[in-house]
Amino acid sequence: MDFVQFAFFAFAALAVGSAGAVISARSPVHSALFLVLTFFSVACTWIIAGAEFLGVALVIVYVGAVMVLFLFVVMMLDIDLVSINEGFVSHLPIGLVVAVVMLLELLALIGVMAFVQTPLSPIVPEAEVSNTAWIARRLFTDFLLPFEVAAVILTVAVVAAVTLTLRRRPGTKHQIVGEQVRTRPGDRLRMLDMPVSVHVADDPPAPAAPVDGEEK
């Protein structure tokens, strides 16, 4: 086993371990941090395998955008956020561990790509075709149906996450769109005809007479 294969299996093991930590962590903040580590480890394996575009897209799209969506969903769910906000300092060690592991993975990846001329198994057999063009051809021709199925699954997941926030709970306010549409101006605004009265101020009091010994 050479250094490239060892790095590949190390990144894969970290991805599997962090993925297990995502579903086993009791805190949603810890799960989000371990999910970031999972995405980053999988991106490293793809870069070693020769799919540089997929690796970079995974970091930019999933770590940068999808994780923000996940955090918004976590904030909208019925979770005790008071304990999360109070124990913010307690989440710092997990965040530092994840950051250090990602830094070590990045340094290891740079070392692998710098000292090794060829990746583990290049996915582009034609030298004149770029990595992005090869992936686009395969994705929208040979694997179009799985791509569409994955899009439908993600859409259903987003709808399900939004539906979880629409549960009727006591003490919360909800919008009733039908009643808002049927609202008439008379139900919200009432015009009153009030008589106008003019108030005349009384005459100002006369100045007091000076006391003996004071200047006039």
C-alpha atoms as a PDB file:
ATOM      1  CA  MET A   1       0.000   0.000   0.000  1.00  0.00           C
ATOM      2  CA  ASP A   2       1.537   3.294  -1.105  1.00  0.00           C
ATOM      3  CA  PHE A   3       1.076   6.725   0.396  1.00  0.00           C
ATOM      4  CA  VAL A   4      -1.824   7.671  -1.900  1.00  0.00           C
ATOM      5  CA  GLN A   5      -3.880   4.607  -0.998  1.00  0.00           C
ATOM      6  CA  PHE A   6      -3.123   5.091   2.692  1.00  0.00           C
ATOM      7  CA  ALA A   7      -4.317   8.721   2.517  1.00  0.00           C
ATOM      8  CA  PHE A   8      -7.441   7.650   0.627  1.00  0.00           C
ATOM      9  CA  PHE A   9      -8.393   5.032   3.229  1.00  0.00           C
ATOM     10  CA  ALA A  10      -7.579   7.471   6.053  1.00  0.00           C
ATOM     11  CA  PHE A  11      -9.913  10.116   4.602  1.00  0.00           C
ATOM     12  CA  ALA A  12     -12.585   7.479   4.018  1.00  0.00           C
ATOM     13  CA  ALA A  13     -12.318   6.246   7.614  1.00  0.00           C
ATOM     14  CA  LEU A  14     -12.617   9.797   8.918  1.00  0.00           C
ATOM     15  CA  ALA A  15     -15.689  10.338   6.743  1.00  0.00           C
ATOM     16  CA  VAL A  16     -17.368   7.189   8.036  1.00  0.00           C
ATOM     17  CA  GLY A  17     -16.472   7.983  11.657  1.00  0.00           C
ATOM     18  CA  SER A  18     -17.721  11.573  11.468  1.00  0.00           C
ATOM     19  CA  ALA A  19     -20.908  10.416   9.715  1.00  0.00           C
ATOM     20  CA  GLY A  20     -21.556   8.058  12.617  1.00  0.00           C
ATOM     21  CA  ALA A  21     -20.967  10.939  15.036  1.00  0.00           C
ATOM     22  CA  VAL A  22     -23.582  13.013  13.178  1.00  0.00           C
ATOM     23  CA  ILE A  23     -26.389  10.603  14.057  1.00  0.00           C
ATOM     24  CA  SER A  24     -25.075   9.702  17.502  1.00  0.00           C
ATOM     25  CA  ALA A  25     -24.416  13.190  18.887  1.00  0.00           C
ATOM     26  CA  ARG A  26     -27.033  14.428  21.321  1.00  0.00           C
ATOM     27  CA  SER A  27     -26.536  18.106  20.514  1.00  0.00           C
ATOM     28  CA  PRO A  28     -27.666  19.446  17.107  1.00  0.00           C
ATOM     29  CA  VAL A  29     -24.695  21.825  17.129  1.00  0.00           C
ATOM     30  CA  HIS A  30     -22.270  18.902  17.452  1.00  0.00           C
ATOM     31  CA  SER A  31     -24.099  17.065  14.670  1.00  0.00           C
ATOM     32  CA  ALA A  32     -23.699  20.086  12.380  1.00  0.00           C
ATOM     33  CA  LEU A  33     -19.971  20.303  13.138  1.00  0.00           C
ATOM     34  CA  PHE A  34     -19.426  16.603  12.469  1.00  0.00           C
ATOM     35  CA  LEU A  35     -21.427  16.910   9.245  1.00  0.00           C
ATOM     36  CA  VAL A  36     -19.022  19.615   8.060  1.00  0.00           C
ATOM     37  CA  LEU A  37     -16.130  17.244   8.803  1.00  0.00           C
ATOM     38  CA  THR A  38     -17.893  14.470   6.860  1.00  0.00           C
ATOM     39  CA  PHE A  39     -18.338  16.658   3.789  1.00  0.00           C
ATOM     40  CA  PHE A  40     -14.734  17.812   3.918  1.00  0.00           C
ATOM     41  CA  SER A  41     -13.381  14.253   4.272  1.00  0.00           C
ATOM     42  CA  VAL A  42     -15.457  13.020   1.346  1.00  0.00           C
ATOM     43  CA  ALA A  43     -14.214  15.971  -0.729  1.00  0.00           C
ATOM     44  CA  CYS A  44     -10.632  14.939   0.023  1.00  0.00           C
ATOM     45  CA  THR A  45     -11.305  11.384  -1.171  1.00  0.00           C
ATOM     46  CA  TRP A  46     -12.807  12.685  -4.416  1.00  0.00           C
ATOM     47  CA  ILE A  47      -9.836  14.946  -5.076  1.00  0.00           C
ATOM     48  CA  ILE A  48      -7.424  12.049  -4.544  1.00  0.00           C
ATOM     49  CA  ALA A  49      -9.529   9.896  -6.886  1.00  0.00           C
ATOM     50  CA  GLY A  50      -9.182  12.488  -9.647  1.00  0.00           C
ATOM     51  CA  ALA A  51     -12.599  14.205  -9.347  1.00  0.00           C
ATOM     52  CA  GLU A  52     -11.332  17.656  -8.448  1.00  0.00           C
ATOM     53  CA  PHE A  53     -14.499  19.388  -9.617  1.00  0.00           C
ATOM     54  CA  LEU A  54     -16.715  17.229  -7.392  1.00  0.00           C
ATOM     55  CA  GLY A  55     -14.458  17.807  -4.403  1.00  0.00           C
ATOM     56  CA  VAL A  56     -14.441  21.581  -4.788  1.00  0.00           C
ATOM     57  CA  ALA A  57     -18.188  21.668  -5.496  1.00  0.00           C
ATOM     58  CA  LEU A  58     -18.852  19.607  -2.365  1.00  0.00           C
ATOM     59  CA  VAL A  59     -16.968  22.083  -0.197  1.00  0.00           C
ATOM     60  CA  ILE A  60     -18.498  25.186  -1.804  1.00  0.00           C
ATOM     61  CA  VAL A  61     -22.084  23.981  -2.183  1.00  0.00           C
ATOM     62  CA  TYR A  62     -22.633  21.643   0.760  1.00  0.00           C
ATOM     63  CA  VAL A  63     -20.318  23.077   3.400  1.00  0.00           C
ATOM     64  CA  GLY A  64     -21.015  26.668   2.392  1.00  0.00           C
ATOM     65  CA  ALA A  65     -24.725  26.635   1.461  1.00  0.00           C
ATOM     66  CA  VAL A  66     -26.453  23.420   2.512  1.00  0.00           C
ATOM     67  CA  MET A  67     -25.041  23.615   6.033  1.00  0.00           C
ATOM     68  CA  VAL A  68     -26.605  27.072   6.383  1.00  0.00           C
ATOM     69  CA  LEU A  69     -29.934  25.531   5.342  1.00  0.00           C
ATOM     70  CA  PHE A  70     -29.507  22.769   7.911  1.00  0.00           C
ATOM     71  CA  LEU A  71     -28.817  25.319  10.630  1.00  0.00           C
ATOM     72  CA  PHE A  72     -31.954  27.247   9.693  1.00  0.00           C
ATOM     73  CA  VAL A  73     -33.980  24.024   9.917  1.00  0.00           C
ATOM     74  CA  VAL A  74     -32.472  23.260  13.321  1.00  0.00           C
ATOM     75  CA  MET A  75     -33.376  26.753  14.525  1.00  0.00           C
ATOM     76  CA  MET A  76     -36.990  26.338  13.332  1.00  0.00           C
ATOM     77  CA  LEU A  77     -37.529  22.928  14.915  1.00  0.00           C
ATOM     78  CA  ASP A  78     -39.013  22.495  18.376  1.00  0.00           C
ATOM     79  CA  ILE A  79     -35.674  22.277  20.186  1.00  0.00           C
ATOM     80  CA  ASP A  80     -34.695  23.718  23.522  1.00  0.00           C
ATOM     81  CA  LEU A  81     -32.423  26.479  22.239  1.00  0.00           C
ATOM     82  CA  VAL A  82     -31.985  28.076  25.654  1.00  0.00           C
ATOM     83  CA  SER A  83     -29.624  25.333  26.805  1.00  0.00           C
ATOM     84  CA  ILE A  84     -27.743  25.555  23.502  1.00  0.00           C
ATOM     85  CA  ASN A  85     -27.216  29.299  23.842  1.00  0.00           C
ATOM     86  CA  GLU A  86     -26.249  29.065  27.498  1.00  0.00           C
ATOM     87  CA  GLY A  87     -23.675  26.343  26.862  1.00  0.00           C
ATOM     88  CA  PHE A  88     -22.008  27.993  23.875  1.00  0.00           C
ATOM     89  CA  VAL A  89     -18.575  27.708  25.458  1.00  0.00           C
ATOM     90  CA  SER A  90     -19.098  23.963  25.926  1.00  0.00           C
ATOM     91  CA  HIS A  91     -19.282  23.544  22.135  1.00  0.00           C
ATOM     92  CA  LEU A  92     -15.886  25.181  21.660  1.00  0.00           C
ATOM     93  CA  PRO A  93     -13.762  22.003  22.216  1.00  0.00           C
ATOM     94  CA  ILE A  94     -15.715  20.065  19.571  1.00  0.00           C
ATOM     95  CA  GLY A  95     -15.348  22.955  17.159  1.00  0.00           C
ATOM     96  CA  LEU A  96     -11.604  23.155  17.760  1.00  0.00           C
ATOM     97  CA  VAL A  97     -11.198  19.397  17.244  1.00  0.00           C
ATOM     98  CA  VAL A  98     -13.115  19.546  13.965  1.00  0.00           C
ATOM     99  CA  ALA A  99     -11.085  22.561  12.808  1.00  0.00           C
ATOM    100  CA  VAL A 100      -7.751  20.882  13.656  1.00  0.00           C
ATOM    101  CA  VAL A 101      -8.745  17.657  11.881  1.00  0.00           C
ATOM    102  CA  MET A 102      -9.797  19.593   8.780  1.00  0.00           C
ATOM    103  CA  LEU A 103      -6.488  21.480   8.809  1.00  0.00           C
ATOM    104  CA  LEU A 104      -4.537  18.223   9.032  1.00  0.00           C
ATOM    105  CA  GLU A 105      -6.587  16.759   6.187  1.00  0.00           C
ATOM    106  CA  LEU A 106      -5.893  19.817   4.071  1.00  0.00           C
ATOM    107  CA  LEU A 107      -2.151  19.611   4.715  1.00  0.00           C
ATOM    108  CA  ALA A 108      -2.141  15.881   3.973  1.00  0.00           C
ATOM    109  CA  LEU A 109      -4.076  16.469   0.757  1.00  0.00           C
ATOM    110  CA  ILE A 110      -1.627  19.149  -0.334  1.00  0.00           C
ATOM    111  CA  GLY A 111       1.241  16.752   0.356  1.00  0.00           C
ATOM    112  CA  VAL A 112      -0.380  13.954  -1.628  1.00  0.00           C
ATOM    113  CA  MET A 113      -1.118  16.150  -4.639  1.00  0.00           C
ATOM    114  CA  ALA A 114       2.333  17.768  -4.525  1.00  0.00           C
ATOM    115  CA  PHE A 115       4.496  14.638  -4.328  1.00  0.00           C
ATOM    116  CA  VAL A 116       2.343  12.335  -6.454  1.00  0.00           C
ATOM    117  CA  GLN A 117       2.034  12.999 -10.156  1.00  0.00           C
ATOM    118  CA  THR A 118      -0.994  10.771 -10.826  1.00  0.00           C
ATOM    119  CA  PRO A 119      -4.069  10.372  -8.633  1.00  0.00           C
ATOM    120  CA  LEU A 120      -5.334   7.099  -7.247  1.00  0.00           C
ATOM    121  CA  SER A 121      -7.628   6.277 -10.166  1.00  0.00           C
ATOM    122  CA  PRO A 122      -8.242   9.051 -12.682  1.00  0.00           C
ATOM    123  CA  ILE A 123     -11.866   9.147 -13.758  1.00  0.00           C
ATOM    124  CA  VAL A 124     -11.173  10.910 -17.060  1.00  0.00           C
ATOM    125  CA  PRO A 125      -9.797   8.389 -19.561  1.00  0.00           C
ATOM    126  CA  GLU A 126      -9.461  10.950 -22.363  1.00  0.00           C
ATOM    127  CA  ALA A 127      -6.604  13.364 -21.807  1.00  0.00           C
ATOM    128  CA  GLU A 128      -8.170  16.043 -24.028  1.00  0.00           C
ATOM    129  CA  VAL A 129     -11.433  16.169 -22.027  1.00  0.00           C
ATOM    130  CA  SER A 130     -11.525  18.228 -18.869  1.00  0.00           C
ATOM    131  CA  ASN A 131     -12.822  16.883 -15.600  1.00  0.00           C
ATOM    132  CA  THR A 132     -15.848  19.178 -15.607  1.00  0.00           C
ATOM    133  CA  ALA A 133     -16.860  18.310 -19.186  1.00  0.00           C
ATOM    134  CA  TRP A 134     -16.530  14.573 -18.540  1.00  0.00           C
ATOM    135  CA  ILE A 135     -18.728  14.764 -15.443  1.00  0.00           C
ATOM    136  CA  ALA A 136     -21.349  16.862 -17.265  1.00  0.00           C
ATOM    137  CA  ARG A 137     -21.563  14.364 -20.138  1.00  0.00           C
ATOM    138  CA  ARG A 138     -21.946  11.381 -17.841  1.00  0.00           C
ATOM    139  CA  LEU A 139     -24.337  13.144 -15.462  1.00  0.00           C
ATOM    140  CA  PHE A 140     -26.781  14.380 -18.096  1.00  0.00           C
ATOM    141  CA  THR A 141     -26.612  11.379 -20.446  1.00  0.00           C
ATOM    142  CA  ASP A 142     -25.839   8.051 -18.758  1.00  0.00           C
ATOM    143  CA  PHE A 143     -26.996   8.964 -15.239  1.00  0.00           C
ATOM    144  CA  LEU A 144     -29.822  11.402 -15.978  1.00  0.00           C
ATOM    145  CA  LEU A 145     -32.511   9.291 -14.249  1.00  0.00           C
ATOM    146  CA  PRO A 146     -30.578   8.877 -10.950  1.00  0.00           C
ATOM    147  CA  PHE A 147     -29.816  12.603 -11.050  1.00  0.00           C
ATOM    148  CA  GLU A 148     -33.506  13.464 -11.352  1.00  0.00           C
ATOM    149  CA  VAL A 149     -34.446  10.967  -8.631  1.00  0.00           C
ATOM    150  CA  ALA A 150     -31.901  12.545  -6.279  1.00  0.00           C
ATOM    151  CA  ALA A 151     -33.372  15.984  -7.023  1.00  0.00           C
ATOM    152  CA  VAL A 152     -36.867  14.734  -6.157  1.00  0.00           C
ATOM    153  CA  ILE A 153     -35.618  13.175  -2.912  1.00  0.00           C
ATOM    154  CA  LEU A 154     -33.950  16.432  -1.867  1.00  0.00           C
ATOM    155  CA  THR A 155     -37.120  18.381  -2.691  1.00  0.00           C
ATOM    156  CA  VAL A 156     -39.219  16.015  -0.575  1.00  0.00           C
ATOM    157  CA  ALA A 157     -36.735  16.375   2.278  1.00  0.00           C
ATOM    158  CA  VAL A 158     -36.993  20.179   2.164  1.00  0.00           C
ATOM    159  CA  VAL A 159     -40.817  20.026   2.119  1.00  0.00           C
ATOM    160  CA  ALA A 160     -40.780  17.611   5.068  1.00  0.00           C
ATOM    161  CA  ALA A 161     -38.465  19.882   7.045  1.00  0.00           C
ATOM    162  CA  VAL A 162     -40.742  22.869   6.439  1.00  0.00           C
ATOM    163  CA  THR A 163     -43.800  20.793   7.377  1.00  0.00           C
ATOM    164  CA  LEU A 164     -42.253  19.991  10.749  1.00  0.00           C
ATOM    165  CA  THR A 165     -42.251  23.699  11.564  1.00  0.00           C
ATOM    166  CA  LEU A 166     -45.979  24.059  10.819  1.00  0.00           C
ATOM    167  CA  ARG A 167     -47.154  21.918  13.699  1.00  0.00           C
ATOM    168  CA  ARG A 168     -49.843  23.449  15.885  1.00  0.00           C
ATOM    169  CA  ARG A 169     -48.353  24.117  19.298  1.00  0.00           C
ATOM    170  CA  PRO A 170     -49.923  26.046  22.167  1.00  0.00           C
ATOM    171  CA  GLY A 171     -48.605  29.529  22.656  1.00  0.00           C
ATOM    172  CA  THR A 172     -47.565  30.075  19.027  1.00  0.00           C
ATOM    173  CA  LYS A 173     -49.154  32.287  16.362  1.00  0.00           C
ATOM    174  CA  HIS A 174     -49.924  31.039  12.859  1.00  0.00           C
ATOM    175  CA  GLN A 175     -51.075  32.716   9.692  1.00  0.00           C
ATOM    176  CA  ILE A 176     -54.449  31.789   8.202  1.00  0.00           C
ATOM    177  CA  VAL A 177     -54.082  32.763   4.566  1.00  0.00           C
ATOM    178  CA  GLY A 178     -57.769  32.284   3.699  1.00  0.00           C
ATOM    179  CA  GLU A 179     -58.952  34.713   6.346  1.00  0.00           C
ATOM    180  CA  GLN A 180     -56.275  37.219   5.365  1.00  0.00           C
ATOM    181  CA  VAL A 181     -57.403  37.152   1.726  1.00  0.00           C
ATOM    182  CA  ARG A 182     -61.112  37.540   2.644  1.00  0.00           C
ATOM    183  CA  THR A 183     -60.438  40.522   4.898  1.00  0.00           C
ATOM    184  CA  ARG A 184     -62.365  43.703   4.030  1.00  0.00           C
ATOM    185  CA  PRO A 185     -61.243  47.247   4.809  1.00  0.00           C
ATOM    186  CA  GLY A 186     -64.229  47.696   7.110  1.00  0.00           C
ATOM    187  CA  ASP A 187     -63.022  44.863   9.292  1.00  0.00           C
ATOM    188  CA  ARG A 188     -59.712  46.573   9.985  1.00  0.00           C
ATOM    189  CA  LEU A 189     -60.512  50.310   9.782  1.00  0.00           C
ATOM    190  CA  ARG A 190     -63.395  52.281  11.286  1.00  0.00           C
ATOM    191  CA  MET A 191     -64.046  55.952  10.543  1.00  0.00           C
ATOM    192  CA  LEU A 192     -65.413  58.046  13.416  1.00  0.00           C
ATOM    193  CA  ASP A 193     -67.155  61.449  13.131  1.00  0.00           C
ATOM    194  CA  MET A 194     -66.175  63.396  16.197  1.00  0.00           C
ATOM    195  CA  PRO A 195     -67.157  67.041  16.829  1.00  0.00           C
ATOM    196  CA  VAL A 196     -64.426  69.609  16.965  1.00  0.00           C
ATOM    197  CA  SER A 197     -64.200  71.677  20.138  1.00  0.00           C
ATOM    198  CA  VAL A 198     -62.139  74.832  20.563  1.00  0.00           C
ATOM    199  CA  HIS A 199     -60.506  75.306  23.920  1.00  0.00           C
ATOM    200  CA  VAL A 200     -59.840  78.907  24.954  1.00  0.00           C
ATOM    201  CA  ALA A 201     -57.076  79.399  27.442  1.00  0.00           C
ATOM    202  CA  ASP A 202     -57.865  81.383  30.604  1.00  0.00           C
ATOM    203  CA  ASP A 203     -56.338  84.797  31.211  1.00  0.00           C
ATOM    204  CA  PRO A 204     -52.864  84.616  32.712  1.00  0.00           C
ATOM    205  CA  PRO A 205     -52.711  85.416  36.430  1.00  0.00           C
ATOM    206  CA  ALA A 206     -51.659  88.909  37.459  1.00  0.00           C
ATOM    207  CA  PRO A 207     -48.090  89.312  38.749  1.00  0.00           C
ATOM    208  CA  ALA A 208     -47.737  89.296  42.493  1.00  0.00           C
ATOM    209  CA  ALA A 209     -47.116  92.593  44.273  1.00  0.00           C
ATOM    210  CA  PRO A 210     -43.516  93.162  45.392  1.00  0.00           C
ATOM    211  CA  VAL A 211     -42.725  92.602  49.023  1.00  0.00           C
ATOM    212  CA  ASP A 212     -41.244  95.395  51.124  1.00  0.00           C
ATOM    213  CA  GLY A 213     -37.485  95.546  50.780  1.00  0.00           C
ATOM    214  CA  GLU A 214     -37.407  93.989  47.299  1.00  0.00           C
ATOM    215  CA  GLU A 215     -36.616  95.833  44.134  1.00  0.00           C
ATOM    216  CA  LYS A 216     -39.529  96.831  41.989  1.00  0.00           C
END
